[in-house]
Amino acid sequence: MRRVSLKNCPYCGCSQIYVSSSATPWQRLSVLFFLRLVRCHTCMRRHFRPIFVPTPKHPSTDAEPRKSIEVVPIKKAEKRPA
């Protein structure tokens, strides 16, 4: 069973905690108990946290949108001298 923590990670004590996606239906049902699944950035372990405690999203998911890919026209194969 995973632990419940209010501020820091209950396993390593780190304060860098981010929202984690729920993998199983049982973890999705944790919303009924007002719990949110979060992941520690340091030890990568997941635990539950009350929904009422603010938790940031992971910074890599909030990255800037990617630039569009440049399309380079393909030239026909040129004959090379032998």
PDB file of N, CA and C in Angstrom:
ATOM      1  N   MET A   1       0.846  -1.177   0.000  1.00  0.00           N
ATOM      2  CA  MET A   1       0.000   0.000   0.000  1.00  0.00           C
ATOM      3  C   MET A   1       0.890   1.239   0.000  1.00  0.00           C
ATOM      4  N   ARG A   2       0.501   2.216  -0.771  1.00  0.00           N
ATOM      5  CA  ARG A   2       1.272   3.450  -0.834  1.00  0.00           C
ATOM      6  C   ARG A   2       0.909   4.353   0.325  1.00  0.00           C
ATOM      7  N   ARG A   3       1.838   5.164   0.733  1.00  0.00           N
ATOM      8  CA  ARG A   3       1.640   6.058   1.862  1.00  0.00           C
ATOM      9  C   ARG A   3       0.926   7.341   1.453  1.00  0.00           C
ATOM     10  N   VAL A   4       0.447   8.087   2.438  1.00  0.00           N
ATOM     11  CA  VAL A   4      -0.178   9.388   2.230  1.00  0.00           C
ATOM     12  C   VAL A   4       0.708  10.423   2.898  1.00  0.00           C
ATOM     13  N   SER A   5       1.014  11.492   2.178  1.00  0.00           N
ATOM     14  CA  SER A   5       1.882  12.531   2.715  1.00  0.00           C
ATOM     15  C   SER A   5       1.297  13.898   2.409  1.00  0.00           C
ATOM     16  N   LEU A   6       1.554  14.872   3.279  1.00  0.00           N
ATOM     17  CA  LEU A   6       1.022  16.210   3.079  1.00  0.00           C
ATOM     18  C   LEU A   6       1.986  17.128   2.345  1.00  0.00           C
ATOM     19  N   LYS A   7       3.251  17.182   2.744  1.00  0.00           N
ATOM     20  CA  LYS A   7       4.173  18.139   2.142  1.00  0.00           C
ATOM     21  C   LYS A   7       5.312  17.483   1.380  1.00  0.00           C
ATOM     22  N   ASN A   8       6.063  16.611   2.032  1.00  0.00           N
ATOM     23  CA  ASN A   8       7.244  16.019   1.425  1.00  0.00           C
ATOM     24  C   ASN A   8       7.014  14.552   1.100  1.00  0.00           C
ATOM     25  N   CYS A   9       7.963  13.992   0.363  1.00  0.00           N
ATOM     26  CA  CYS A   9       7.914  12.570   0.031  1.00  0.00           C
ATOM     27  C   CYS A   9       8.084  11.758   1.317  1.00  0.00           C
ATOM     28  N   PRO A  10       7.202  10.797   1.590  1.00  0.00           N
ATOM     29  CA  PRO A  10       7.336  10.011   2.818  1.00  0.00           C
ATOM     30  C   PRO A  10       8.505   9.030   2.766  1.00  0.00           C
ATOM     31  N   TYR A  11       9.070   8.782   1.576  1.00  0.00           N
ATOM     32  CA  TYR A  11      10.165   7.830   1.442  1.00  0.00           C
ATOM     33  C   TYR A  11      11.534   8.489   1.611  1.00  0.00           C
ATOM     34  N   CYS A  12      11.754   9.642   0.935  1.00  0.00           N
ATOM     35  CA  CYS A  12      13.080  10.268   0.991  1.00  0.00           C
ATOM     36  C   CYS A  12      13.062  11.665   1.615  1.00  0.00           C
ATOM     37  N   GLY A  13      11.890  12.272   1.808  1.00  0.00           N
ATOM     38  CA  GLY A  13      11.787  13.580   2.435  1.00  0.00           C
ATOM     39  C   GLY A  13      11.954  14.744   1.480  1.00  0.00           C
ATOM     40  N   CYS A  14      12.069  14.495   0.187  1.00  0.00           N
ATOM     41  CA  CYS A  14      12.263  15.551  -0.804  1.00  0.00           C
ATOM     42  C   CYS A  14      10.963  16.340  -0.997  1.00  0.00           C
ATOM     43  N   SER A  15      11.090  17.623  -1.319  1.00  0.00           N
ATOM     44  CA  SER A  15       9.897  18.449  -1.509  1.00  0.00           C
ATOM     45  C   SER A  15       9.535  18.638  -2.976  1.00  0.00           C
ATOM     46  N   GLN A  16      10.317  18.058  -3.899  1.00  0.00           N
ATOM     47  CA  GLN A  16      10.012  18.165  -5.329  1.00  0.00           C
ATOM     48  C   GLN A  16       9.056  17.043  -5.712  1.00  0.00           C
ATOM     49  N   ILE A  17       7.757  17.345  -5.649  1.00  0.00           N
ATOM     50  CA  ILE A  17       6.717  16.358  -5.911  1.00  0.00           C
ATOM     51  C   ILE A  17       5.834  16.878  -7.025  1.00  0.00           C
ATOM     52  N   TYR A  18       5.510  16.004  -7.972  1.00  0.00           N
ATOM     53  CA  TYR A  18       4.710  16.381  -9.128  1.00  0.00           C
ATOM     54  C   TYR A  18       3.534  15.424  -9.293  1.00  0.00           C
ATOM     55  N   VAL A  19       2.502  15.872  -9.975  1.00  0.00           N
ATOM     56  CA  VAL A  19       1.321  15.055 -10.245  1.00  0.00           C
ATOM     57  C   VAL A  19       1.725  13.903 -11.151  1.00  0.00           C
ATOM     58  N   SER A  20       1.238  12.710 -10.855  1.00  0.00           N
ATOM     59  CA  SER A  20       1.525  11.521 -11.640  1.00  0.00           C
ATOM     60  C   SER A  20       0.229  11.004 -12.255  1.00  0.00           C
ATOM     61  N   SER A  21       0.341  10.358 -13.404  1.00  0.00           N
ATOM     62  CA  SER A  21      -0.858   9.818 -14.035  1.00  0.00           C
ATOM     63  C   SER A  21      -1.228   8.488 -13.398  1.00  0.00           C
ATOM     64  N   SER A  22      -2.516   8.230 -13.311  1.00  0.00           N
ATOM     65  CA  SER A  22      -3.009   6.994 -12.713  1.00  0.00           C
ATOM     66  C   SER A  22      -2.934   5.873 -13.727  1.00  0.00           C
ATOM     67  N   ALA A  23      -2.393   4.743 -13.326  1.00  0.00           N
ATOM     68  CA  ALA A  23      -2.192   3.636 -14.243  1.00  0.00           C
ATOM     69  C   ALA A  23      -3.330   2.612 -14.187  1.00  0.00           C
ATOM     70  N   THR A  24      -3.889   2.368 -13.018  1.00  0.00           N
ATOM     71  CA  THR A  24      -4.900   1.332 -12.885  1.00  0.00           C
ATOM     72  C   THR A  24      -6.233   1.953 -12.468  1.00  0.00           C
ATOM     73  N   PRO A  25      -7.317   1.240 -12.681  1.00  0.00           N
ATOM     74  CA  PRO A  25      -8.614   1.756 -12.246  1.00  0.00           C
ATOM     75  C   PRO A  25      -8.687   1.969 -10.735  1.00  0.00           C
ATOM     76  N   TRP A  26      -7.975   1.146  -9.961  1.00  0.00           N
ATOM     77  CA  TRP A  26      -7.990   1.314  -8.510  1.00  0.00           C
ATOM     78  C   TRP A  26      -7.358   2.642  -8.108  1.00  0.00           C
ATOM     79  N   GLN A  27      -6.314   3.040  -8.810  1.00  0.00           N
ATOM     80  CA  GLN A  27      -5.674   4.317  -8.517  1.00  0.00           C
ATOM     81  C   GLN A  27      -6.565   5.478  -8.943  1.00  0.00           C
ATOM     82  N   ARG A  28      -7.353   5.282  -9.978  1.00  0.00           N
ATOM     83  CA  ARG A  28      -8.285   6.332 -10.409  1.00  0.00           C
ATOM     84  C   ARG A  28      -9.431   6.506  -9.414  1.00  0.00           C
ATOM     85  N   LEU A  29      -9.766   5.456  -8.692  1.00  0.00           N
ATOM     86  CA  LEU A  29     -10.822   5.542  -7.687  1.00  0.00           C
ATOM     87  C   LEU A  29     -10.381   6.294  -6.436  1.00  0.00           C
ATOM     88  N   SER A  30      -9.105   6.612  -6.345  1.00  0.00           N
ATOM     89  CA  SER A  30      -8.611   7.350  -5.186  1.00  0.00           C
ATOM     90  C   SER A  30      -9.239   8.742  -5.101  1.00  0.00           C
ATOM     91  N   VAL A  31      -9.791   9.234  -6.192  1.00  0.00           N
ATOM     92  CA  VAL A  31     -10.459  10.534  -6.199  1.00  0.00           C
ATOM     93  C   VAL A  31     -11.676  10.515  -5.269  1.00  0.00           C
ATOM     94  N   LEU A  32     -12.293   9.366  -5.137  1.00  0.00           N
ATOM     95  CA  LEU A  32     -13.451   9.252  -4.243  1.00  0.00           C
ATOM     96  C   LEU A  32     -13.061   9.485  -2.788  1.00  0.00           C
ATOM     97  N   PHE A  33     -11.794   9.232  -2.473  1.00  0.00           N
ATOM     98  CA  PHE A  33     -11.295   9.440  -1.110  1.00  0.00           C
ATOM     99  C   PHE A  33     -10.523  10.757  -0.990  1.00  0.00           C
ATOM    100  N   PHE A  34     -10.662  11.612  -2.002  1.00  0.00           N
ATOM    101  CA  PHE A  34      -9.997  12.926  -2.054  1.00  0.00           C
ATOM    102  C   PHE A  34      -8.481  12.803  -2.003  1.00  0.00           C
ATOM    103  N   LEU A  35      -7.948  11.813  -2.734  1.00  0.00           N
ATOM    104  CA  LEU A  35      -6.507  11.613  -2.804  1.00  0.00           C
ATOM    105  C   LEU A  35      -6.045  11.744  -4.250  1.00  0.00           C
ATOM    106  N   ARG A  36      -4.810  12.209  -4.432  1.00  0.00           N
ATOM    107  CA  ARG A  36      -4.210  12.374  -5.748  1.00  0.00           C
ATOM    108  C   ARG A  36      -2.897  11.595  -5.757  1.00  0.00           C
ATOM    109  N   LEU A  37      -2.604  10.923  -6.866  1.00  0.00           N
ATOM    110  CA  LEU A  37      -1.371  10.174  -7.006  1.00  0.00           C
ATOM    111  C   LEU A  37      -0.271  11.133  -7.462  1.00  0.00           C
ATOM    112  N   VAL A  38       0.826  11.194  -6.709  1.00  0.00           N
ATOM    113  CA  VAL A  38       1.934  12.080  -7.031  1.00  0.00           C
ATOM    114  C   VAL A  38       3.234  11.274  -7.060  1.00  0.00           C
ATOM    115  N   ARG A  39       4.265  11.846  -7.723  1.00  0.00           N
ATOM    116  CA  ARG A  39       5.554  11.176  -7.833  1.00  0.00           C
ATOM    117  C   ARG A  39       6.654  12.097  -7.336  1.00  0.00           C
ATOM    118  N   CYS A  40       7.587  11.529  -6.595  1.00  0.00           N
ATOM    119  CA  CYS A  40       8.748  12.268  -6.102  1.00  0.00           C
ATOM    120  C   CYS A  40       9.766  12.375  -7.234  1.00  0.00           C
ATOM    121  N   HIS A  41      10.335  13.560  -7.426  1.00  0.00           N
ATOM    122  CA  HIS A  41      11.292  13.782  -8.502  1.00  0.00           C
ATOM    123  C   HIS A  41      12.643  13.137  -8.191  1.00  0.00           C
ATOM    124  N   THR A  42      12.969  12.973  -6.928  1.00  0.00           N
ATOM    125  CA  THR A  42      14.274  12.439  -6.540  1.00  0.00           C
ATOM    126  C   THR A  42      14.294  10.914  -6.551  1.00  0.00           C
ATOM    127  N   CYS A  43      13.392  10.293  -5.806  1.00  0.00           N
ATOM    128  CA  CYS A  43      13.422   8.831  -5.693  1.00  0.00           C
ATOM    129  C   CYS A  43      12.483   8.139  -6.677  1.00  0.00           C
ATOM    130  N   MET A  44      11.675   8.903  -7.416  1.00  0.00           N
ATOM    131  CA  MET A  44      10.755   8.383  -8.440  1.00  0.00           C
ATOM    132  C   MET A  44       9.706   7.421  -7.897  1.00  0.00           C
ATOM    133  N   ARG A  45       9.419   7.481  -6.606  1.00  0.00           N
ATOM    134  CA  ARG A  45       8.378   6.640  -6.014  1.00  0.00           C
ATOM    135  C   ARG A  45       7.071   7.409  -5.994  1.00  0.00           C
ATOM    136  N   ARG A  46       5.982   6.680  -6.116  1.00  0.00           N
ATOM    137  CA  ARG A  46       4.662   7.313  -6.122  1.00  0.00           C
ATOM    138  C   ARG A  46       3.975   7.099  -4.784  1.00  0.00           C
ATOM    139  N   HIS A  47       3.196   8.093  -4.385  1.00  0.00           N
ATOM    140  CA  HIS A  47       2.393   7.998  -3.167  1.00  0.00           C
ATOM    141  C   HIS A  47       1.173   8.893  -3.333  1.00  0.00           C
ATOM    142  N   PHE A  48       0.246   8.780  -2.415  1.00  0.00           N
ATOM    143  CA  PHE A  48      -0.976   9.570  -2.484  1.00  0.00           C
ATOM    144  C   PHE A  48      -0.846  10.832  -1.649  1.00  0.00           C
ATOM    145  N   ARG A  49      -1.549  11.868  -2.090  1.00  0.00           N
ATOM    146  CA  ARG A  49      -1.549  13.157  -1.411  1.00  0.00           C
ATOM    147  C   ARG A  49      -2.970  13.696  -1.459  1.00  0.00           C
ATOM    148  N   PRO A  50      -3.427  14.386  -0.422  1.00  0.00           N
ATOM    149  CA  PRO A  50      -4.785  14.950  -0.462  1.00  0.00           C
ATOM    150  C   PRO A  50      -4.949  15.931  -1.628  1.00  0.00           C
ATOM    151  N   ILE A  51      -6.117  15.927  -2.228  1.00  0.00           N
ATOM    152  CA  ILE A  51      -6.396  16.794  -3.376  1.00  0.00           C
ATOM    153  C   ILE A  51      -6.299  18.260  -2.987  1.00  0.00           C
ATOM    154  N   PHE A  52      -6.583  18.584  -1.752  1.00  0.00           N
ATOM    155  CA  PHE A  52      -6.637  19.977  -1.319  1.00  0.00           C
ATOM    156  C   PHE A  52      -5.260  20.624  -1.201  1.00  0.00           C
ATOM    157  N   VAL A  53      -4.182  19.817  -1.181  1.00  0.00           N
ATOM    158  CA  VAL A  53      -2.824  20.350  -1.113  1.00  0.00           C
ATOM    159  C   VAL A  53      -2.378  20.651  -2.545  1.00  0.00           C
ATOM    160  N   PRO A  54      -1.968  21.898  -2.847  1.00  0.00           N
ATOM    161  CA  PRO A  54      -1.573  22.212  -4.224  1.00  0.00           C
ATOM    162  C   PRO A  54      -0.324  21.436  -4.634  1.00  0.00           C
ATOM    163  N   THR A  55      -0.361  20.868  -5.840  1.00  0.00           N
ATOM    164  CA  THR A  55       0.756  20.094  -6.373  1.00  0.00           C
ATOM    165  C   THR A  55       1.022  20.548  -7.800  1.00  0.00           C
ATOM    166  N   PRO A  56       2.265  20.939  -8.118  1.00  0.00           N
ATOM    167  CA  PRO A  56       2.554  21.393  -9.482  1.00  0.00           C
ATOM    168  C   PRO A  56       2.613  20.231 -10.469  1.00  0.00           C
ATOM    169  N   LYS A  57       2.399  20.561 -11.755  1.00  0.00           N
ATOM    170  CA  LYS A  57       2.583  19.576 -12.810  1.00  0.00           C
ATOM    171  C   LYS A  57       4.074  19.455 -13.081  1.00  0.00           C
ATOM    172  N   HIS A  58       4.465  18.356 -13.693  1.00  0.00           N
ATOM    173  CA  HIS A  58       5.882  18.146 -13.985  1.00  0.00           C
ATOM    174  C   HIS A  58       6.339  19.180 -15.011  1.00  0.00           C
ATOM    175  N   PRO A  59       7.505  19.803 -14.824  1.00  0.00           N
ATOM    176  CA  PRO A  59       7.949  20.865 -15.726  1.00  0.00           C
ATOM    177  C   PRO A  59       8.143  20.414 -17.170  1.00  0.00           C
ATOM    178  N   SER A  60       8.481  19.172 -17.405  1.00  0.00           N
ATOM    179  CA  SER A  60       8.695  18.727 -18.786  1.00  0.00           C
ATOM    180  C   SER A  60       7.395  18.664 -19.580  1.00  0.00           C
ATOM    181  N   THR A  61       6.245  18.524 -18.917  1.00  0.00           N
ATOM    182  CA  THR A  61       4.980  18.490 -19.643  1.00  0.00           C
ATOM    183  C   THR A  61       4.501  19.883 -20.007  1.00  0.00           C
ATOM    184  N   ASP A  62       5.056  20.915 -19.368  1.00  0.00           N
ATOM    185  CA  ASP A  62       4.671  22.292 -19.668  1.00  0.00           C
ATOM    186  C   ASP A  62       5.666  22.967 -20.604  1.00  0.00           C
ATOM    187  N   ALA A  63       6.396  22.190 -21.394  1.00  0.00           N
ATOM    188  CA  ALA A  63       7.417  22.740 -22.280  1.00  0.00           C
ATOM    189  C   ALA A  63       6.773  23.556 -23.405  1.00  0.00           C
ATOM    190  N   GLU A  64       7.577  24.384 -24.014  1.00  0.00           N
ATOM    191  CA  GLU A  64       7.100  25.206 -25.119  1.00  0.00           C
ATOM    192  C   GLU A  64       6.716  24.314 -26.292  1.00  0.00           C
ATOM    193  N   PRO A  65       5.773  24.764 -27.103  1.00  0.00           N
ATOM    194  CA  PRO A  65       5.397  23.949 -28.266  1.00  0.00           C
ATOM    195  C   PRO A  65       6.573  23.831 -29.233  1.00  0.00           C
ATOM    196  N   ARG A  66       6.670  22.685 -29.861  1.00  0.00           N
ATOM    197  CA  ARG A  66       7.772  22.441 -30.786  1.00  0.00           C
ATOM    198  C   ARG A  66       7.595  23.247 -32.069  1.00  0.00           C
ATOM    199  N   LYS A  67       8.732  23.586 -32.679  1.00  0.00           N
ATOM    200  CA  LYS A  67       8.691  24.293 -33.954  1.00  0.00           C
ATOM    201  C   LYS A  67       8.325  23.301 -35.042  1.00  0.00           C
ATOM    202  N   SER A  68       7.726  23.823 -36.108  1.00  0.00           N
ATOM    203  CA  SER A  68       7.356  22.943 -37.207  1.00  0.00           C
ATOM    204  C   SER A  68       8.611  22.483 -37.945  1.00  0.00           C
ATOM    205  N   ILE A  69       8.536  21.339 -38.516  1.00  0.00           N
ATOM    206  CA  ILE A  69       9.668  20.756 -39.224  1.00  0.00           C
ATOM    207  C   ILE A  69       9.757  21.375 -40.606  1.00  0.00           C
ATOM    208  N   GLU A  70      10.969  21.758 -40.995  1.00  0.00           N
ATOM    209  CA  GLU A  70      11.167  22.322 -42.321  1.00  0.00           C
ATOM    210  C   GLU A  70      11.210  21.193 -43.336  1.00  0.00           C
ATOM    211  N   VAL A  71      10.497  21.385 -44.437  1.00  0.00           N
ATOM    212  CA  VAL A  71      10.463  20.381 -45.486  1.00  0.00           C
ATOM    213  C   VAL A  71      11.475  20.777 -46.552  1.00  0.00           C
ATOM    214  N   VAL A  72      12.414  19.882 -46.818  1.00  0.00           N
ATOM    215  CA  VAL A  72      13.438  20.133 -47.829  1.00  0.00           C
ATOM    216  C   VAL A  72      13.091  19.309 -49.056  1.00  0.00           C
ATOM    217  N   PRO A  73      12.980  19.974 -50.225  1.00  0.00           N
ATOM    218  CA  PRO A  73      12.628  19.208 -51.436  1.00  0.00           C
ATOM    219  C   PRO A  73      13.755  18.247 -51.817  1.00  0.00           C
ATOM    220  N   ILE A  74      13.371  17.075 -52.271  1.00  0.00           N
ATOM    221  CA  ILE A  74      14.337  16.061 -52.667  1.00  0.00           C
ATOM    222  C   ILE A  74      14.644  16.248 -54.146  1.00  0.00           C
ATOM    223  N   LYS A  75      15.928  16.391 -54.469  1.00  0.00           N
ATOM    224  CA  LYS A  75      16.341  16.552 -55.862  1.00  0.00           C
ATOM    225  C   LYS A  75      16.435  15.179 -56.513  1.00  0.00           C
ATOM    226  N   LYS A  76      16.211  15.175 -57.814  1.00  0.00           N
ATOM    227  CA  LYS A  76      16.351  13.919 -58.546  1.00  0.00           C
ATOM    228  C   LYS A  76      17.808  13.515 -58.525  1.00  0.00           C
ATOM    229  N   ALA A  77      18.038  12.228 -58.563  1.00  0.00           N
ATOM    230  CA  ALA A  77      19.398  11.717 -58.500  1.00  0.00           C
ATOM    231  C   ALA A  77      20.184  12.244 -59.695  1.00  0.00           C
ATOM    232  N   GLU A  78      21.293  12.861 -59.401  1.00  0.00           N
ATOM    233  CA  GLU A  78      22.155  13.378 -60.456  1.00  0.00           C
ATOM    234  C   GLU A  78      23.132  12.311 -60.892  1.00  0.00           C
ATOM    235  N   LYS A  79      23.405  12.270 -62.190  1.00  0.00           N
ATOM    236  CA  LYS A  79      24.352  11.307 -62.688  1.00  0.00           C
ATOM    237  C   LYS A  79      25.760  11.839 -62.440  1.00  0.00           C
ATOM    238  N   ARG A  80      26.590  10.978 -61.873  1.00  0.00           N
ATOM    239  CA  ARG A  80      27.957  11.365 -61.595  1.00  0.00           C
ATOM    240  C   ARG A  80      28.861  10.807 -62.711  1.00  0.00           C
ATOM    241  N   PRO A  81      29.875  11.574 -63.020  1.00  0.00           N
ATOM    242  CA  PRO A  81      30.808  11.056 -64.043  1.00  0.00           C
ATOM    243  C   PRO A  81      31.582   9.860 -63.494  1.00  0.00           C
ATOM    244  N   ALA A  82      31.814   8.865 -64.363  1.00  0.00           N
ATOM    245  CA  ALA A  82      32.493   7.649 -63.932  1.00  0.00           C
ATOM    246  C   ALA A  82      33.965   7.801 -63.834  1.00  0.00           C
TER     247      ALA A  82
END
